[in-house]
C-alpha atoms as a PDB file:
ATOM      1  CA  MET A   1      29.485 -45.535 -10.058  1.00  0.00           C
ATOM      2  CA  GLU A   2      31.278 -42.304  -9.153  1.00  0.00           C
ATOM      3  CA  LYS A   3      30.785 -40.915 -12.644  1.00  0.00           C
ATOM      4  CA  LEU A   4      27.127 -41.878 -12.555  1.00  0.00           C
ATOM      5  CA  GLN A   5      26.647 -39.971  -9.282  1.00  0.00           C
ATOM      6  CA  GLN A   6      28.500 -36.959 -10.650  1.00  0.00           C
ATOM      7  CA  ALA A   7      26.370 -37.053 -13.781  1.00  0.00           C
ATOM      8  CA  TYR A   8      23.211 -37.299 -11.679  1.00  0.00           C
ATOM      9  CA  TYR A   9      24.240 -34.394  -9.434  1.00  0.00           C
ATOM     10  CA  GLY A  10      25.199 -32.396 -12.501  1.00  0.00           C
ATOM     11  CA  TYR A  11      21.804 -33.147 -14.017  1.00  0.00           C
ATOM     12  CA  GLU A  12      20.022 -32.106 -10.800  1.00  0.00           C
ATOM     13  CA  LEU A  13      22.080 -28.917 -10.650  1.00  0.00           C
ATOM     14  CA  LYS A  14      21.236 -28.096 -14.261  1.00  0.00           C
ATOM     15  CA  LYS A  15      17.575 -28.864 -13.627  1.00  0.00           C
ATOM     16  CA  LYS A  16      17.529 -26.565 -10.594  1.00  0.00           C
ATOM     17  CA  SER A  17      19.391 -23.788 -12.355  1.00  0.00           C
ATOM     18  CA  PHE A  18      17.083 -24.094 -15.379  1.00  0.00           C
ATOM     19  CA  ALA A  19      14.047 -23.889 -13.079  1.00  0.00           C
ATOM     20  CA  GLN A  20      15.556 -20.809 -11.437  1.00  0.00           C
ATOM     21  CA  TYR A  21      16.206 -19.351 -14.873  1.00  0.00           C
ATOM     22  CA  GLN A  22      12.603 -20.006 -15.900  1.00  0.00           C
ATOM     23  CA  ASN A  23      11.295 -18.436 -12.684  1.00  0.00           C
ATOM     24  CA  GLU A  24      13.490 -15.398 -13.255  1.00  0.00           C
ATOM     25  CA  GLN A  25      12.244 -15.109 -16.833  1.00  0.00           C
ATOM     26  CA  LYS A  26       8.615 -15.344 -15.678  1.00  0.00           C
ATOM     27  CA  LYS A  27       9.266 -12.699 -13.049  1.00  0.00           C
ATOM     28  CA  GLN A  28      10.869 -10.384 -15.602  1.00  0.00           C
ATOM     29  CA  GLN A  29       7.961 -10.909 -18.005  1.00  0.00           C
ATOM     30  CA  ARG A  30       5.455 -10.119 -15.247  1.00  0.00           C
ATOM     31  CA  ILE A  31       7.360  -6.970 -14.283  1.00  0.00           C
ATOM     32  CA  GLN A  32       7.568  -5.900 -17.919  1.00  0.00           C
ATOM     33  CA  LYS A  33       3.848  -6.537 -18.383  1.00  0.00           C
ATOM     34  CA  GLU A  34       2.993  -4.496 -15.281  1.00  0.00           C
ATOM     35  CA  ARG A  35       5.198  -1.640 -16.436  1.00  0.00           C
ATOM     36  CA  SER A  36       3.708  -1.614 -19.918  1.00  0.00           C
ATOM     37  CA  ASN A  37       0.110  -1.867 -18.711  1.00  0.00           C
ATOM     38  CA  PRO A  38      -0.297  -0.247 -15.292  1.00  0.00           C
ATOM     39  CA  ASP A  39      -3.573  -0.366 -13.446  1.00  0.00           C
ATOM     40  CA  TRP A  40      -4.518   3.288 -13.753  1.00  0.00           C
ATOM     41  CA  THR A  41      -7.732   2.927 -11.778  1.00  0.00           C
ATOM     42  CA  LEU A  42      -5.910   1.762  -8.686  1.00  0.00           C
ATOM     43  CA  THR A  43      -3.274   4.472  -8.886  1.00  0.00           C
ATOM     44  CA  PHE A  44      -5.943   7.099  -9.610  1.00  0.00           C
ATOM     45  CA  LEU A  45      -7.959   6.026  -6.589  1.00  0.00           C
ATOM     46  CA  GLN A  46      -4.877   5.961  -4.403  1.00  0.00           C
ATOM     47  CA  LEU A  47      -3.768   9.398  -5.543  1.00  0.00           C
ATOM     48  CA  THR A  48      -7.196  10.986  -5.242  1.00  0.00           C
ATOM     49  CA  GLY A  49      -7.773   9.275  -1.918  1.00  0.00           C
ATOM     50  CA  ALA A  50      -4.541  10.699  -0.552  1.00  0.00           C
ATOM     51  CA  ALA A  51      -5.248  14.108  -2.066  1.00  0.00           C
ATOM     52  CA  LEU A  52      -8.836  14.235  -0.822  1.00  0.00           C
ATOM     53  CA  SER A  53      -8.125  13.049   2.698  1.00  0.00           C
ATOM     54  CA  ILE A  54      -6.337  16.286   3.648  1.00  0.00           C
ATOM     55  CA  PRO A  55      -9.215  18.629   2.689  1.00  0.00           C
ATOM     56  CA  LEU A  56     -11.636  16.173   4.279  1.00  0.00           C
ATOM     57  CA  VAL A  57      -9.787  16.339   7.599  1.00  0.00           C
ATOM     58  CA  LEU A  58      -9.505  20.109   7.363  1.00  0.00           C
ATOM     59  CA  GLY A  59     -13.212  20.351   6.580  1.00  0.00           C
ATOM     60  CA  TRP A  60     -14.131  18.281   9.607  1.00  0.00           C
ATOM     61  CA  LEU A  61     -11.839  20.394  11.764  1.00  0.00           C
ATOM     62  CA  ALA A  62     -13.395  23.575  10.393  1.00  0.00           C
ATOM     63  CA  PHE A  63     -16.811  22.165  11.285  1.00  0.00           C
ATOM     64  CA  LEU A  64     -15.951  20.659  14.662  1.00  0.00           C
ATOM     65  CA  LEU A  65     -13.780  23.396  16.134  1.00  0.00           C
ATOM     66  CA  PRO A  66     -16.537  26.051  16.199  1.00  0.00           C
ATOM     67  CA  VAL A  67     -19.012  23.489  17.543  1.00  0.00           C
ATOM     68  CA  LEU A  68     -16.597  22.495  20.298  1.00  0.00           C
ATOM     69  CA  LEU A  69     -15.751  26.103  21.035  1.00  0.00           C
ATOM     70  CA  PHE A  70     -19.430  27.021  21.252  1.00  0.00           C
ATOM     71  CA  SER A  71     -20.078  24.016  23.505  1.00  0.00           C
ATOM     72  CA  LEU A  72     -17.216  25.088  25.757  1.00  0.00           C
ATOM     73  CA  ILE A  73     -18.551  28.647  25.990  1.00  0.00           C
ATOM     74  CA  VAL A  74     -22.057  27.399  26.818  1.00  0.00           C
ATOM     75  CA  PHE A  75     -20.647  24.987  29.390  1.00  0.00           C
ATOM     76  CA  TYR A  76     -18.665  27.743  31.127  1.00  0.00           C
ATOM     77  CA  ALA A  77     -21.655  30.094  31.001  1.00  0.00           C
ATOM     78  CA  VAL A  78     -23.852  27.478  32.657  1.00  0.00           C
ATOM     79  CA  VAL A  79     -21.208  26.600  35.250  1.00  0.00           C
ATOM     80  CA  ILE A  80     -20.415  30.254  36.055  1.00  0.00           C
ATOM     81  CA  SER A  81     -24.097  31.219  36.241  1.00  0.00           C
ATOM     82  CA  ALA A  82     -24.723  28.306  38.599  1.00  0.00           C
ATOM     83  CA  PHE A  83     -22.291  29.740  41.158  1.00  0.00           C
END
């Protein structure tokens, strides 16, 4: 009976380790596949999105700062002329 239990536990251990080995092999194959065939569209969009966001922010600042400055000047002119 003892040998039967040991054999069963050994079988379960081998089954688990083989499943882990298969999972590791699948993971390595997936990684290798991703490395050999990257999704260029996603990386291109990410790179251009990051590169374009800086000029976009600067453009909005270049547009908004004069508008805000002009609004501030008009506001002070109206407030000062009121007194």
